[in-house]
N, C-alpha and C. Protein backbone atom coordinates (compact mmCIF):
# COMPACT_ATOMS: atom_id res chain seq x y z
N MET A 1 24.53 142.76 20.79
CA MET A 1 23.96 142.24 21.64
C MET A 1 22.97 140.53 21.68
N ARG A 2 23.27 139.91 22.19
CA ARG A 2 22.59 139.11 22.14
C ARG A 2 20.99 139.05 22.32
N ASP A 3 20.27 138.25 21.18
CA ASP A 3 19.06 138.05 20.78
C ASP A 3 18.58 137.33 22.80
N GLU A 4 17.23 138.05 22.26
CA GLU A 4 16.21 137.69 23.89
C GLU A 4 16.07 136.15 23.71
N ALA A 5 15.51 135.64 22.88
CA ALA A 5 15.98 133.86 22.74
C ALA A 5 17.11 133.64 23.62
N GLU A 6 18.07 133.68 23.14
CA GLU A 6 19.58 133.21 23.60
C GLU A 6 19.91 133.10 25.09
N ILE A 7 19.22 134.47 25.74
CA ILE A 7 19.40 134.86 26.70
C ILE A 7 17.87 133.96 27.59
N ARG A 8 16.87 134.16 27.12
CA ARG A 8 16.06 133.26 27.69
C ARG A 8 16.70 131.63 27.84
N GLU A 9 17.08 131.33 26.55
CA GLU A 9 18.03 130.44 26.61
C GLU A 9 18.90 129.30 28.07
N GLN A 10 19.98 130.89 28.05
CA GLN A 10 20.79 130.79 28.96
C GLN A 10 20.18 131.03 30.43
N TYR A 11 19.15 131.56 30.14
CA TYR A 11 18.83 131.76 31.68
C TYR A 11 18.14 130.28 32.22
N GLU A 12 17.45 129.53 31.71
CA GLU A 12 16.05 128.66 32.08
C GLU A 12 17.95 127.53 32.24
N PHE A 13 18.68 127.49 31.10
CA PHE A 13 19.84 126.87 31.73
C PHE A 13 20.33 126.66 33.06
N LEU A 14 20.81 128.35 33.47
CA LEU A 14 21.17 128.06 35.07
C LEU A 14 20.52 128.02 35.65
N ALA A 15 19.25 128.43 35.80
CA ALA A 15 17.54 127.95 36.31
C ALA A 15 17.49 126.35 37.29
N GLU A 16 17.60 125.25 35.68
CA GLU A 16 17.97 124.07 35.69
C GLU A 16 19.34 123.68 36.39
N GLN A 17 19.66 123.89 36.10
CA GLN A 17 21.52 123.72 36.80
C GLN A 17 21.90 124.12 37.96
N LEU A 18 21.53 124.64 38.53
CA LEU A 18 20.97 125.45 39.81
C LEU A 18 20.17 124.63 41.52
N ALA A 19 19.02 124.13 40.60
CA ALA A 19 17.88 123.00 40.80
C ALA A 19 18.64 121.40 40.91
N SER A 20 19.35 121.66 40.46
CA SER A 20 20.00 120.42 40.52
C SER A 20 20.95 119.96 41.75
N ASP A 21 20.64 118.63 42.09
CA ASP A 21 20.92 117.84 42.52
C ASP A 21 22.30 117.66 43.22
N GLU A 22 23.20 117.87 42.03
CA GLU A 22 24.68 117.59 41.68
C GLU A 22 25.61 119.44 42.24
N MET A 23 24.52 120.28 42.15
CA MET A 23 24.50 121.69 42.75
C MET A 23 25.37 122.05 44.10
N ARG A 24 25.96 121.33 45.14
CA ARG A 24 26.14 120.81 46.25
C ARG A 24 27.37 122.05 46.77
N HIS A 25 27.92 122.41 46.07
CA HIS A 25 29.02 123.36 46.61
C HIS A 25 29.02 125.07 46.58
N GLU A 26 28.92 125.83 47.31
CA GLU A 26 27.88 126.33 48.13
C GLU A 26 28.81 128.06 47.36
N GLY A 27 30.31 127.95 46.99
CA GLY A 27 30.11 128.88 45.97
C GLY A 27 30.05 129.01 44.33
N VAL A 28 30.21 127.11 43.68
CA VAL A 28 29.27 127.05 42.37
C VAL A 28 27.85 128.16 42.62
N ARG A 29 27.24 127.72 43.39
CA ARG A 29 25.69 127.97 44.22
C ARG A 29 25.64 129.38 44.00
N GLN A 30 26.36 130.07 44.61
CA GLN A 30 26.19 131.27 44.96
C GLN A 30 26.77 131.98 42.52
N MET A 31 27.45 131.52 42.96
CA MET A 31 27.59 132.07 41.28
C MET A 31 27.13 131.75 39.79
N PHE A 32 26.14 130.83 40.24
CA PHE A 32 25.24 131.07 38.76
C PHE A 32 24.33 131.38 39.76
N THR A 33 23.16 132.11 41.18
CA THR A 33 22.47 132.34 42.00
C THR A 33 22.83 134.24 41.38
N HIS A 34 23.94 134.16 41.43
CA HIS A 34 23.94 136.00 40.64
C HIS A 34 24.37 136.05 39.54
N TYR A 35 24.44 134.99 38.25
CA TYR A 35 24.35 135.42 37.29
C TYR A 35 22.87 135.11 36.64
N LYS A 36 22.08 133.91 37.10
CA LYS A 36 21.70 133.87 36.86
C LYS A 36 20.41 135.39 37.44
N ARG A 37 20.03 135.99 38.56
CA ARG A 37 19.74 137.10 38.94
C ARG A 37 20.53 138.55 37.60
N ALA A 38 21.73 138.57 37.24
CA ALA A 38 22.15 139.06 36.24
C ALA A 38 21.17 138.89 35.00
N LEU A 39 20.99 138.06 34.91
CA LEU A 39 20.65 136.99 32.88
C LEU A 39 18.79 138.33 33.83
N GLY A 40 18.42 138.01 34.43
CA GLY A 40 17.05 138.16 34.43
C GLY A 40 17.54 139.79 34.64
N TRP A 41 17.88 140.35 35.28
CA TRP A 41 17.67 142.14 35.09
C TRP A 41 18.10 142.76 33.38
N VAL A 42 18.64 142.18 32.99
CA VAL A 42 19.02 143.08 31.92
C VAL A 42 17.60 141.91 31.14
N LEU A 43 17.34 140.86 31.29
CA LEU A 43 15.66 140.31 30.35
C LEU A 43 14.47 141.77 30.78
N GLU A 44 14.39 142.16 31.87
CA GLU A 44 13.68 142.63 32.65
C GLU A 44 13.73 144.02 32.12
N GLU A 45 15.58 144.32 31.91
CA GLU A 45 15.08 146.07 31.59
C GLU A 45 15.35 146.36 29.62
N GLU A 46 15.15 145.01 28.70
CA GLU A 46 15.00 144.67 27.68
C GLU A 46 13.32 144.80 27.02
N HIS A 47 12.30 144.19 28.15
CA HIS A 47 10.49 144.44 28.50
C HIS A 47 10.49 145.87 28.54
N MET A 48 11.12 146.75 29.08
CA MET A 48 10.66 148.42 30.07
C MET A 48 10.78 149.12 28.34
């Protein structure tokens, strides 16, 4: 399994990409939103 630093790095990257003006296609935006949410759940579970 990946370490916390790697997961945090991916989460931050996705958050930046989602906020970018280049992310205009709704399907891509939804995909990143779901992936970002899933990574957030993984991080929360690791700290419980």
